[in-house]
Amino acid sequence: MTTQTQNRRLLMALDSKIRDINRATINPILPELRLSDLTPMLEMTARARADYLRVLYEIGHSSSGEAAPSPEDIDRLAALRRVYQELVTATQAFETAIEREYLDVE
């Protein structure tokens, strides 16, 4: 058996073990999911995106795009970005968990 074949077999076994461990760990803590269960999370993420974009738009229009934003504006924008990015990352983690069958779905 070649090294490449051994590597593929090990990677397949590793993938299966990762799936089994994640499913055994994650699946019991959440109910069987439906799209309606995920909708509030998706709406929250969309609102965070909208807030982030709205503030950038307001900052740009208040300066006519010519002046640098104030430190306060940057702090406000950074806080909104952090919320938005965290929610996007968490939503993507749900997508991955569903895709990899760590969670039961209806």
PDB file of N, CA and C in Angstrom:
ATOM      1  N   MET A   1       0.854  -1.179   0.000  1.00  0.00           N
ATOM      2  CA  MET A   1       0.000   0.000   0.000  1.00  0.00           C
ATOM      3  C   MET A   1       0.899   1.241   0.000  1.00  0.00           C
ATOM      4  N   THR A   2       0.581   2.199  -0.856  1.00  0.00           N
ATOM      5  CA  THR A   2       1.413   3.400  -0.972  1.00  0.00           C
ATOM      6  C   THR A   2       1.137   4.356   0.185  1.00  0.00           C
ATOM      7  N   THR A   3       2.076   5.235   0.388  1.00  0.00           N
ATOM      8  CA  THR A   3       1.924   6.257   1.420  1.00  0.00           C
ATOM      9  C   THR A   3       0.708   7.139   1.143  1.00  0.00           C
ATOM     10  N   GLN A   4       0.497   7.442  -0.126  1.00  0.00           N
ATOM     11  CA  GLN A   4      -0.647   8.282  -0.495  1.00  0.00           C
ATOM     12  C   GLN A   4      -1.966   7.593  -0.133  1.00  0.00           C
ATOM     13  N   THR A   5      -2.066   6.317  -0.367  1.00  0.00           N
ATOM     14  CA  THR A   5      -3.277   5.557  -0.021  1.00  0.00           C
ATOM     15  C   THR A   5      -3.451   5.516   1.487  1.00  0.00           C
ATOM     16  N   GLN A   6      -2.379   5.311   2.214  1.00  0.00           N
ATOM     17  CA  GLN A   6      -2.434   5.300   3.682  1.00  0.00           C
ATOM     18  C   GLN A   6      -2.896   6.663   4.208  1.00  0.00           C
ATOM     19  N   ASN A   7      -2.364   7.713   3.610  1.00  0.00           N
ATOM     20  CA  ASN A   7      -2.755   9.067   4.026  1.00  0.00           C
ATOM     21  C   ASN A   7      -4.245   9.306   3.790  1.00  0.00           C
ATOM     22  N   ARG A   8      -4.739   8.893   2.625  1.00  0.00           N
ATOM     23  CA  ARG A   8      -6.163   9.057   2.314  1.00  0.00           C
ATOM     24  C   ARG A   8      -7.027   8.289   3.296  1.00  0.00           C
ATOM     25  N   ARG A   9      -6.638   7.079   3.606  1.00  0.00           N
ATOM     26  CA  ARG A   9      -7.404   6.268   4.569  1.00  0.00           C
ATOM     27  C   ARG A   9      -7.410   6.911   5.947  1.00  0.00           C
ATOM     28  N   LEU A  10      -6.258   7.394   6.361  1.00  0.00           N
ATOM     29  CA  LEU A  10      -6.185   8.058   7.663  1.00  0.00           C
ATOM     30  C   LEU A  10      -7.059   9.314   7.673  1.00  0.00           C
ATOM     31  N   LEU A  11      -7.002  10.095   6.616  1.00  0.00           N
ATOM     32  CA  LEU A  11      -7.814  11.314   6.549  1.00  0.00           C
ATOM     33  C   LEU A  11      -9.311  10.997   6.548  1.00  0.00           C
ATOM     34  N   MET A  12      -9.699   9.921   5.871  1.00  0.00           N
ATOM     35  CA  MET A  12     -11.101   9.518   5.877  1.00  0.00           C
ATOM     36  C   MET A  12     -11.528   9.076   7.278  1.00  0.00           C
ATOM     37  N   ALA A  13     -10.673   8.337   7.946  1.00  0.00           N
ATOM     38  CA  ALA A  13     -10.967   7.903   9.315  1.00  0.00           C
ATOM     39  C   ALA A  13     -11.004   9.101  10.262  1.00  0.00           C
ATOM     40  N   LEU A  14     -10.097  10.028  10.056  1.00  0.00           N
ATOM     41  CA  LEU A  14     -10.065  11.243  10.870  1.00  0.00           C
ATOM     42  C   LEU A  14     -11.335  12.052  10.681  1.00  0.00           C
ATOM     43  N   ASP A  15     -11.754  12.221   9.438  1.00  0.00           N
ATOM     44  CA  ASP A  15     -12.990  12.951   9.147  1.00  0.00           C
ATOM     45  C   ASP A  15     -14.184  12.286   9.824  1.00  0.00           C
ATOM     46  N   SER A  16     -14.255  10.979   9.762  1.00  0.00           N
ATOM     47  CA  SER A  16     -15.352  10.247  10.397  1.00  0.00           C
ATOM     48  C   SER A  16     -15.323  10.428  11.911  1.00  0.00           C
ATOM     49  N   LYS A  17     -14.153  10.373  12.502  1.00  0.00           N
ATOM     50  CA  LYS A  17     -14.018  10.537  13.953  1.00  0.00           C
ATOM     51  C   LYS A  17     -14.411  11.951  14.372  1.00  0.00           C
ATOM     52  N   ILE A  18     -13.990  12.934  13.609  1.00  0.00           N
ATOM     53  CA  ILE A  18     -14.354  14.327  13.901  1.00  0.00           C
ATOM     54  C   ILE A  18     -15.872  14.480  13.843  1.00  0.00           C
ATOM     55  N   ARG A  19     -16.500  13.923  12.828  1.00  0.00           N
ATOM     56  CA  ARG A  19     -17.958  14.008  12.684  1.00  0.00           C
ATOM     57  C   ARG A  19     -18.647  13.334  13.881  1.00  0.00           C
ATOM     58  N   ASP A  20     -18.180  12.145  14.246  1.00  0.00           N
ATOM     59  CA  ASP A  20     -18.793  11.418  15.365  1.00  0.00           C
ATOM     60  C   ASP A  20     -18.664  12.185  16.678  1.00  0.00           C
ATOM     61  N   ILE A  21     -17.493  12.709  16.939  1.00  0.00           N
ATOM     62  CA  ILE A  21     -17.266  13.442  18.196  1.00  0.00           C
ATOM     63  C   ILE A  21     -18.084  14.726  18.226  1.00  0.00           C
ATOM     64  N   ASN A  22     -18.090  15.472  17.124  1.00  0.00           N
ATOM     65  CA  ASN A  22     -18.866  16.707  17.085  1.00  0.00           C
ATOM     66  C   ASN A  22     -20.361  16.426  17.214  1.00  0.00           C
ATOM     67  N   ARG A  23     -20.850  15.409  16.536  1.00  0.00           N
ATOM     68  CA  ARG A  23     -22.268  15.077  16.622  1.00  0.00           C
ATOM     69  C   ARG A  23     -22.634  14.674  18.052  1.00  0.00           C
ATOM     70  N   ALA A  24     -21.810  13.839  18.676  1.00  0.00           N
ATOM     71  CA  ALA A  24     -22.079  13.396  20.047  1.00  0.00           C
ATOM     72  C   ALA A  24     -22.030  14.552  21.038  1.00  0.00           C
ATOM     73  N   THR A  25     -21.241  15.566  20.739  1.00  0.00           N
ATOM     74  CA  THR A  25     -21.086  16.712  21.636  1.00  0.00           C
ATOM     75  C   THR A  25     -22.139  17.788  21.384  1.00  0.00           C
ATOM     76  N   ILE A  26     -22.402  18.093  20.120  1.00  0.00           N
ATOM     77  CA  ILE A  26     -23.272  19.219  19.761  1.00  0.00           C
ATOM     78  C   ILE A  26     -24.739  18.834  19.688  1.00  0.00           C
ATOM     79  N   ASN A  27     -25.044  17.702  19.085  1.00  0.00           N
ATOM     80  CA  ASN A  27     -26.443  17.339  18.831  1.00  0.00           C
ATOM     81  C   ASN A  27     -27.312  17.285  20.094  1.00  0.00           C
ATOM     82  N   PRO A  28     -26.816  16.753  21.204  1.00  0.00           N
ATOM     83  CA  PRO A  28     -27.684  16.670  22.396  1.00  0.00           C
ATOM     84  C   PRO A  28     -28.067  18.024  23.012  1.00  0.00           C
ATOM     85  N   ILE A  29     -27.323  19.077  22.700  1.00  0.00           N
ATOM     86  CA  ILE A  29     -27.613  20.359  23.352  1.00  0.00           C
ATOM     87  C   ILE A  29     -28.627  21.212  22.599  1.00  0.00           C
ATOM     88  N   LEU A  30     -29.007  20.782  21.399  1.00  0.00           N
ATOM     89  CA  LEU A  30     -29.967  21.536  20.598  1.00  0.00           C
ATOM     90  C   LEU A  30     -31.089  20.623  20.124  1.00  0.00           C
ATOM     91  N   PRO A  31     -32.296  21.171  20.014  1.00  0.00           N
ATOM     92  CA  PRO A  31     -33.395  20.356  19.495  1.00  0.00           C
ATOM     93  C   PRO A  31     -33.232  20.127  17.995  1.00  0.00           C
ATOM     94  N   GLU A  32     -34.018  19.208  17.467  1.00  0.00           N
ATOM     95  CA  GLU A  32     -34.040  19.019  16.016  1.00  0.00           C
ATOM     96  C   GLU A  32     -34.428  20.353  15.382  1.00  0.00           C
ATOM     97  N   LEU A  33     -33.661  20.783  14.406  1.00  0.00           N
ATOM     98  CA  LEU A  33     -33.827  22.129  13.865  1.00  0.00           C
ATOM     99  C   LEU A  33     -34.726  22.163  12.637  1.00  0.00           C
ATOM    100  N   ARG A  34     -35.489  23.249  12.567  1.00  0.00           N
ATOM    101  CA  ARG A  34     -36.263  23.586  11.367  1.00  0.00           C
ATOM    102  C   ARG A  34     -35.806  24.971  10.938  1.00  0.00           C
ATOM    103  N   LEU A  35     -36.119  25.328   9.717  1.00  0.00           N
ATOM    104  CA  LEU A  35     -35.757  26.650   9.220  1.00  0.00           C
ATOM    105  C   LEU A  35     -36.349  27.738  10.108  1.00  0.00           C
ATOM    106  N   SER A  36     -37.543  27.531  10.590  1.00  0.00           N
ATOM    107  CA  SER A  36     -38.184  28.533  11.446  1.00  0.00           C
ATOM    108  C   SER A  36     -37.415  28.737  12.758  1.00  0.00           C
ATOM    109  N   ASP A  37     -36.705  27.719  13.214  1.00  0.00           N
ATOM    110  CA  ASP A  37     -35.890  27.863  14.425  1.00  0.00           C
ATOM    111  C   ASP A  37     -34.676  28.754  14.177  1.00  0.00           C
ATOM    112  N   LEU A  38     -34.201  28.751  12.946  1.00  0.00           N
ATOM    113  CA  LEU A  38     -32.995  29.509  12.600  1.00  0.00           C
ATOM    114  C   LEU A  38     -33.309  30.933  12.147  1.00  0.00           C
ATOM    115  N   THR A  39     -34.554  31.186  11.797  1.00  0.00           N
ATOM    116  CA  THR A  39     -34.927  32.498  11.266  1.00  0.00           C
ATOM    117  C   THR A  39     -34.594  33.650  12.212  1.00  0.00           C
ATOM    118  N   PRO A  40     -34.879  33.569  13.512  1.00  0.00           N
ATOM    119  CA  PRO A  40     -34.519  34.699  14.393  1.00  0.00           C
ATOM    120  C   PRO A  40     -33.023  35.011  14.383  1.00  0.00           C
ATOM    121  N   MET A  41     -32.204  33.982  14.309  1.00  0.00           N
ATOM    122  CA  MET A  41     -30.758  34.178  14.257  1.00  0.00           C
ATOM    123  C   MET A  41     -30.357  34.873  12.952  1.00  0.00           C
ATOM    124  N   LEU A  42     -30.968  34.462  11.854  1.00  0.00           N
ATOM    125  CA  LEU A  42     -30.679  35.074  10.561  1.00  0.00           C
ATOM    126  C   LEU A  42     -31.139  36.527  10.521  1.00  0.00           C
ATOM    127  N   GLU A  43     -32.292  36.807  11.108  1.00  0.00           N
ATOM    128  CA  GLU A  43     -32.800  38.185  11.160  1.00  0.00           C
ATOM    129  C   GLU A  43     -31.903  39.064  12.021  1.00  0.00           C
ATOM    130  N   MET A  44     -31.429  38.526  13.140  1.00  0.00           N
ATOM    131  CA  MET A  44     -30.533  39.281  14.017  1.00  0.00           C
ATOM    132  C   MET A  44     -29.241  39.629  13.274  1.00  0.00           C
ATOM    133  N   THR A  45     -28.708  38.685  12.517  1.00  0.00           N
ATOM    134  CA  THR A  45     -27.492  38.925  11.747  1.00  0.00           C
ATOM    135  C   THR A  45     -27.729  39.973  10.664  1.00  0.00           C
ATOM    136  N   ALA A  46     -28.876  39.907  10.006  1.00  0.00           N
ATOM    137  CA  ALA A  46     -29.208  40.894   8.975  1.00  0.00           C
ATOM    138  C   ALA A  46     -29.348  42.286   9.579  1.00  0.00           C
ATOM    139  N   ARG A  47     -29.949  42.380  10.769  1.00  0.00           N
ATOM    140  CA  ARG A  47     -30.077  43.695  11.438  1.00  0.00           C
ATOM    141  C   ARG A  47     -28.704  44.255  11.803  1.00  0.00           C
ATOM    142  N   ALA A  48     -27.817  43.384  12.258  1.00  0.00           N
ATOM    143  CA  ALA A  48     -26.457  43.832  12.595  1.00  0.00           C
ATOM    144  C   ALA A  48     -25.738  44.328  11.340  1.00  0.00           C
ATOM    145  N   ARG A  49     -25.914  43.632  10.234  1.00  0.00           N
ATOM    146  CA  ARG A  49     -25.317  44.064   8.964  1.00  0.00           C
ATOM    147  C   ARG A  49     -25.889  45.423   8.566  1.00  0.00           C
ATOM    148  N   ALA A  50     -27.204  45.570   8.674  1.00  0.00           N
ATOM    149  CA  ALA A  50     -27.859  46.827   8.303  1.00  0.00           C
ATOM    150  C   ALA A  50     -27.364  47.974   9.179  1.00  0.00           C
ATOM    151  N   ASP A  51     -27.229  47.751  10.483  1.00  0.00           N
ATOM    152  CA  ASP A  51     -26.737  48.800  11.386  1.00  0.00           C
ATOM    153  C   ASP A  51     -25.325  49.229  11.011  1.00  0.00           C
ATOM    154  N   TYR A  52     -24.484  48.263  10.733  1.00  0.00           N
ATOM    155  CA  TYR A  52     -23.094  48.534  10.364  1.00  0.00           C
ATOM    156  C   TYR A  52     -23.033  49.364   9.076  1.00  0.00           C
ATOM    157  N   LEU A  53     -23.787  48.954   8.078  1.00  0.00           N
ATOM    158  CA  LEU A  53     -23.787  49.675   6.801  1.00  0.00           C
ATOM    159  C   LEU A  53     -24.416  51.061   6.931  1.00  0.00           C
ATOM    160  N   ARG A  54     -25.486  51.155   7.725  1.00  0.00           N
ATOM    161  CA  ARG A  54     -26.154  52.447   7.915  1.00  0.00           C
ATOM    162  C   ARG A  54     -25.209  53.465   8.541  1.00  0.00           C
ATOM    163  N   VAL A  55     -24.470  53.044   9.559  1.00  0.00           N
ATOM    164  CA  VAL A  55     -23.549  53.969  10.228  1.00  0.00           C
ATOM    165  C   VAL A  55     -22.428  54.386   9.291  1.00  0.00           C
ATOM    166  N   LEU A  56     -21.896  53.455   8.515  1.00  0.00           N
ATOM    167  CA  LEU A  56     -20.874  53.834   7.543  1.00  0.00           C
ATOM    168  C   LEU A  56     -21.434  54.843   6.549  1.00  0.00           C
ATOM    169  N   TYR A  57     -22.627  54.599   6.068  1.00  0.00           N
ATOM    170  CA  TYR A  57     -23.291  55.511   5.135  1.00  0.00           C
ATOM    171  C   TYR A  57     -23.443  56.898   5.764  1.00  0.00           C
ATOM    172  N   GLU A  58     -23.900  56.943   7.012  1.00  0.00           N
ATOM    173  CA  GLU A  58     -24.082  58.224   7.706  1.00  0.00           C
ATOM    174  C   GLU A  58     -22.757  58.955   7.887  1.00  0.00           C
ATOM    175  N   ILE A  59     -21.723  58.222   8.254  1.00  0.00           N
ATOM    176  CA  ILE A  59     -20.408  58.843   8.440  1.00  0.00           C
ATOM    177  C   ILE A  59     -19.905  59.409   7.109  1.00  0.00           C
ATOM    178  N   GLY A  60     -20.049  58.650   6.060  1.00  0.00           N
ATOM    179  CA  GLY A  60     -19.607  59.107   4.743  1.00  0.00           C
ATOM    180  C   GLY A  60     -20.355  60.346   4.285  1.00  0.00           C
ATOM    181  N   HIS A  61     -21.657  60.369   4.497  1.00  0.00           N
ATOM    182  CA  HIS A  61     -22.447  61.517   4.051  1.00  0.00           C
ATOM    183  C   HIS A  61     -22.239  62.753   4.925  1.00  0.00           C
ATOM    184  N   SER A  62     -21.963  62.554   6.198  1.00  0.00           N
ATOM    185  CA  SER A  62     -21.767  63.718   7.068  1.00  0.00           C
ATOM    186  C   SER A  62     -20.465  64.441   6.753  1.00  0.00           C
ATOM    187  N   SER A  63     -19.508  63.738   6.155  1.00  0.00           N
ATOM    188  CA  SER A  63     -18.225  64.362   5.833  1.00  0.00           C
ATOM    189  C   SER A  63     -18.078  64.611   4.338  1.00  0.00           C
ATOM    190  N   SER A  64     -19.108  64.280   3.584  1.00  0.00           N
ATOM    191  CA  SER A  64     -19.060  64.357   2.123  1.00  0.00           C
ATOM    192  C   SER A  64     -17.914  63.522   1.561  1.00  0.00           C
ATOM    193  N   GLY A  65     -17.464  62.540   2.343  1.00  0.00           N
ATOM    194  CA  GLY A  65     -16.400  61.666   1.892  1.00  0.00           C
ATOM    195  C   GLY A  65     -15.039  62.312   1.844  1.00  0.00           C
ATOM    196  N   GLU A  66     -14.922  63.559   2.342  1.00  0.00           N
ATOM    197  CA  GLU A  66     -13.650  64.289   2.227  1.00  0.00           C
ATOM    198  C   GLU A  66     -12.832  64.257   3.512  1.00  0.00           C
ATOM    199  N   ALA A  67     -13.494  64.395   4.648  1.00  0.00           N
ATOM    200  CA  ALA A  67     -12.778  64.441   5.922  1.00  0.00           C
ATOM    201  C   ALA A  67     -12.665  63.034   6.498  1.00  0.00           C
ATOM    202  N   ALA A  68     -11.597  62.816   7.242  1.00  0.00           N
ATOM    203  CA  ALA A  68     -11.445  61.531   7.927  1.00  0.00           C
ATOM    204  C   ALA A  68     -12.504  61.430   9.020  1.00  0.00           C
ATOM    205  N   PRO A  69     -13.007  60.264   9.268  1.00  0.00           N
ATOM    206  CA  PRO A  69     -13.994  60.104  10.339  1.00  0.00           C
ATOM    207  C   PRO A  69     -13.375  60.442  11.692  1.00  0.00           C
ATOM    208  N   SER A  70     -14.198  60.882  12.601  1.00  0.00           N
ATOM    209  CA  SER A  70     -13.713  61.194  13.952  1.00  0.00           C
ATOM    210  C   SER A  70     -13.381  59.900  14.682  1.00  0.00           C
ATOM    211  N   PRO A  71     -12.556  59.985  15.714  1.00  0.00           N
ATOM    212  CA  PRO A  71     -12.264  58.786  16.514  1.00  0.00           C
ATOM    213  C   PRO A  71     -13.544  58.166  17.090  1.00  0.00           C
ATOM    214  N   GLU A  72     -14.499  59.014  17.446  1.00  0.00           N
ATOM    215  CA  GLU A  72     -15.767  58.508  17.983  1.00  0.00           C
ATOM    216  C   GLU A  72     -16.531  57.717  16.915  1.00  0.00           C
ATOM    217  N   ASP A  73     -16.532  58.248  15.687  1.00  0.00           N
ATOM    218  CA  ASP A  73     -17.201  57.538  14.592  1.00  0.00           C
ATOM    219  C   ASP A  73     -16.533  56.191  14.324  1.00  0.00           C
ATOM    220  N   ILE A  74     -15.226  56.179  14.355  1.00  0.00           N
ATOM    221  CA  ILE A  74     -14.498  54.931  14.129  1.00  0.00           C
ATOM    222  C   ILE A  74     -14.790  53.935  15.239  1.00  0.00           C
ATOM    223  N   ASP A  75     -14.825  54.410  16.489  1.00  0.00           N
ATOM    224  CA  ASP A  75     -15.145  53.514  17.609  1.00  0.00           C
ATOM    225  C   ASP A  75     -16.545  52.929  17.456  1.00  0.00           C
ATOM    226  N   ARG A  76     -17.485  53.756  17.067  1.00  0.00           N
ATOM    227  CA  ARG A  76     -18.867  53.291  16.873  1.00  0.00           C
ATOM    228  C   ARG A  76     -18.929  52.269  15.736  1.00  0.00           C
ATOM    229  N   LEU A  77     -18.267  52.564  14.644  1.00  0.00           N
ATOM    230  CA  LEU A  77     -18.249  51.657  13.500  1.00  0.00           C
ATOM    231  C   LEU A  77     -17.562  50.340  13.867  1.00  0.00           C
ATOM    232  N   ALA A  78     -16.461  50.417  14.595  1.00  0.00           N
ATOM    233  CA  ALA A  78     -15.732  49.208  14.999  1.00  0.00           C
ATOM    234  C   ALA A  78     -16.586  48.331  15.908  1.00  0.00           C
ATOM    235  N   ALA A  79     -17.325  48.935  16.810  1.00  0.00           N
ATOM    236  CA  ALA A  79     -18.197  48.161  17.701  1.00  0.00           C
ATOM    237  C   ALA A  79     -19.282  47.441  16.899  1.00  0.00           C
ATOM    238  N   LEU A  80     -19.856  48.135  15.934  1.00  0.00           N
ATOM    239  CA  LEU A  80     -20.884  47.513  15.091  1.00  0.00           C
ATOM    240  C   LEU A  80     -20.295  46.405  14.217  1.00  0.00           C
ATOM    241  N   ARG A  81     -19.090  46.630  13.718  1.00  0.00           N
ATOM    242  CA  ARG A  81     -18.422  45.603  12.909  1.00  0.00           C
ATOM    243  C   ARG A  81     -18.160  44.354  13.733  1.00  0.00           C
ATOM    244  N   ARG A  82     -17.732  44.544  14.957  1.00  0.00           N
ATOM    245  CA  ARG A  82     -17.446  43.394  15.832  1.00  0.00           C
ATOM    246  C   ARG A  82     -18.713  42.567  16.054  1.00  0.00           C
ATOM    247  N   VAL A  83     -19.816  43.225  16.327  1.00  0.00           N
ATOM    248  CA  VAL A  83     -21.084  42.517  16.507  1.00  0.00           C
ATOM    249  C   VAL A  83     -21.458  41.782  15.224  1.00  0.00           C
ATOM    250  N   TYR A  84     -21.420  42.493  14.115  1.00  0.00           N
ATOM    251  CA  TYR A  84     -21.776  41.912  12.817  1.00  0.00           C
ATOM    252  C   TYR A  84     -20.900  40.702  12.503  1.00  0.00           C
ATOM    253  N   GLN A  85     -19.591  40.859  12.621  1.00  0.00           N
ATOM    254  CA  GLN A  85     -18.680  39.768  12.279  1.00  0.00           C
ATOM    255  C   GLN A  85     -18.879  38.566  13.199  1.00  0.00           C
ATOM    256  N   GLU A  86     -19.123  38.816  14.462  1.00  0.00           N
ATOM    257  CA  GLU A  86     -19.336  37.715  15.396  1.00  0.00           C
ATOM    258  C   GLU A  86     -20.597  36.938  15.048  1.00  0.00           C
ATOM    259  N   LEU A  87     -21.652  37.663  14.692  1.00  0.00           N
ATOM    260  CA  LEU A  87     -22.901  36.997  14.318  1.00  0.00           C
ATOM    261  C   LEU A  87     -22.749  36.226  13.008  1.00  0.00           C
ATOM    262  N   VAL A  88     -22.034  36.783  12.050  1.00  0.00           N
ATOM    263  CA  VAL A  88     -21.792  36.074  10.789  1.00  0.00           C
ATOM    264  C   VAL A  88     -21.000  34.798  11.055  1.00  0.00           C
ATOM    265  N   THR A  89     -19.965  34.891  11.873  1.00  0.00           N
ATOM    266  CA  THR A  89     -19.152  33.721  12.192  1.00  0.00           C
ATOM    267  C   THR A  89     -19.982  32.646  12.886  1.00  0.00           C
ATOM    268  N   ALA A  90     -20.823  33.058  13.813  1.00  0.00           N
ATOM    269  CA  ALA A  90     -21.675  32.102  14.520  1.00  0.00           C
ATOM    270  C   ALA A  90     -22.693  31.466  13.576  1.00  0.00           C
ATOM    271  N   THR A  91     -23.262  32.263  12.680  1.00  0.00           N
ATOM    272  CA  THR A  91     -24.211  31.731  11.706  1.00  0.00           C
ATOM    273  C   THR A  91     -23.519  30.723  10.792  1.00  0.00           C
ATOM    274  N   GLN A  92     -22.317  31.035  10.374  1.00  0.00           N
ATOM    275  CA  GLN A  92     -21.560  30.105   9.537  1.00  0.00           C
ATOM    276  C   GLN A  92     -21.245  28.813  10.292  1.00  0.00           C
ATOM    277  N   ALA A  93     -21.016  28.913  11.595  1.00  0.00           N
ATOM    278  CA  ALA A  93     -20.767  27.712  12.403  1.00  0.00           C
ATOM    279  C   ALA A  93     -22.013  26.820  12.423  1.00  0.00           C
ATOM    280  N   PHE A  94     -23.197  27.433  12.491  1.00  0.00           N
ATOM    281  CA  PHE A  94     -24.439  26.656  12.403  1.00  0.00           C
ATOM    282  C   PHE A  94     -24.541  25.975  11.045  1.00  0.00           C
ATOM    283  N   GLU A  95     -24.254  26.723   9.983  1.00  0.00           N
ATOM    284  CA  GLU A  95     -24.312  26.146   8.635  1.00  0.00           C
ATOM    285  C   GLU A  95     -23.378  24.941   8.526  1.00  0.00           C
ATOM    286  N   THR A  96     -22.174  25.080   9.040  1.00  0.00           N
ATOM    287  CA  THR A  96     -21.201  23.994   8.999  1.00  0.00           C
ATOM    288  C   THR A  96     -21.693  22.795   9.799  1.00  0.00           C
ATOM    289  N   ALA A  97     -22.252  23.050  10.973  1.00  0.00           N
ATOM    290  CA  ALA A  97     -22.750  21.962  11.814  1.00  0.00           C
ATOM    291  C   ALA A  97     -23.882  21.201  11.119  1.00  0.00           C
ATOM    292  N   ILE A  98     -24.724  21.928  10.407  1.00  0.00           N
ATOM    293  CA  ILE A  98     -25.810  21.282   9.662  1.00  0.00           C
ATOM    294  C   ILE A  98     -25.239  20.515   8.470  1.00  0.00           C
ATOM    295  N   GLU A  99     -24.367  21.154   7.736  1.00  0.00           N
ATOM    296  CA  GLU A  99     -23.757  20.543   6.557  1.00  0.00           C
ATOM    297  C   GLU A  99     -23.019  19.253   6.893  1.00  0.00           C
ATOM    298  N   ARG A 100     -22.331  19.247   8.017  1.00  0.00           N
ATOM    299  CA  ARG A 100     -21.529  18.086   8.414  1.00  0.00           C
ATOM    300  C   ARG A 100     -22.324  17.083   9.254  1.00  0.00           C
ATOM    301  N   GLU A 101     -23.619  17.360   9.386  1.00  0.00           N
ATOM    302  CA  GLU A 101     -24.541  16.453  10.087  1.00  0.00           C
ATOM    303  C   GLU A 101     -24.234  16.309  11.565  1.00  0.00           C
ATOM    304  N   TYR A 102     -23.769  17.374  12.184  1.00  0.00           N
ATOM    305  CA  TYR A 102     -23.588  17.376  13.636  1.00  0.00           C
ATOM    306  C   TYR A 102     -24.927  17.573  14.325  1.00  0.00           C
ATOM    307  N   LEU A 103     -25.898  18.121  13.611  1.00  0.00           N
ATOM    308  CA  LEU A 103     -27.214  18.435  14.163  1.00  0.00           C
ATOM    309  C   LEU A 103     -28.293  17.709  13.381  1.00  0.00           C
ATOM    310  N   ASP A 104     -29.359  17.371  14.093  1.00  0.00           N
ATOM    311  CA  ASP A 104     -30.532  16.806  13.427  1.00  0.00           C
ATOM    312  C   ASP A 104     -31.371  17.942  12.875  1.00  0.00           C
ATOM    313  N   VAL A 105     -31.857  17.769  11.671  1.00  0.00           N
ATOM    314  CA  VAL A 105     -32.744  18.756  11.057  1.00  0.00           C
ATOM    315  C   VAL A 105     -34.015  18.064  10.609  1.00  0.00           C
ATOM    316  N   GLU A 106     -35.086  18.830  10.635  1.00  0.00           N
ATOM    317  CA  GLU A 106     -36.387  18.303  10.215  1.00  0.00           C
ATOM    318  C   GLU A 106     -36.607  18.524   8.752  1.00  0.00           C
TER     319      GLU A 106
END
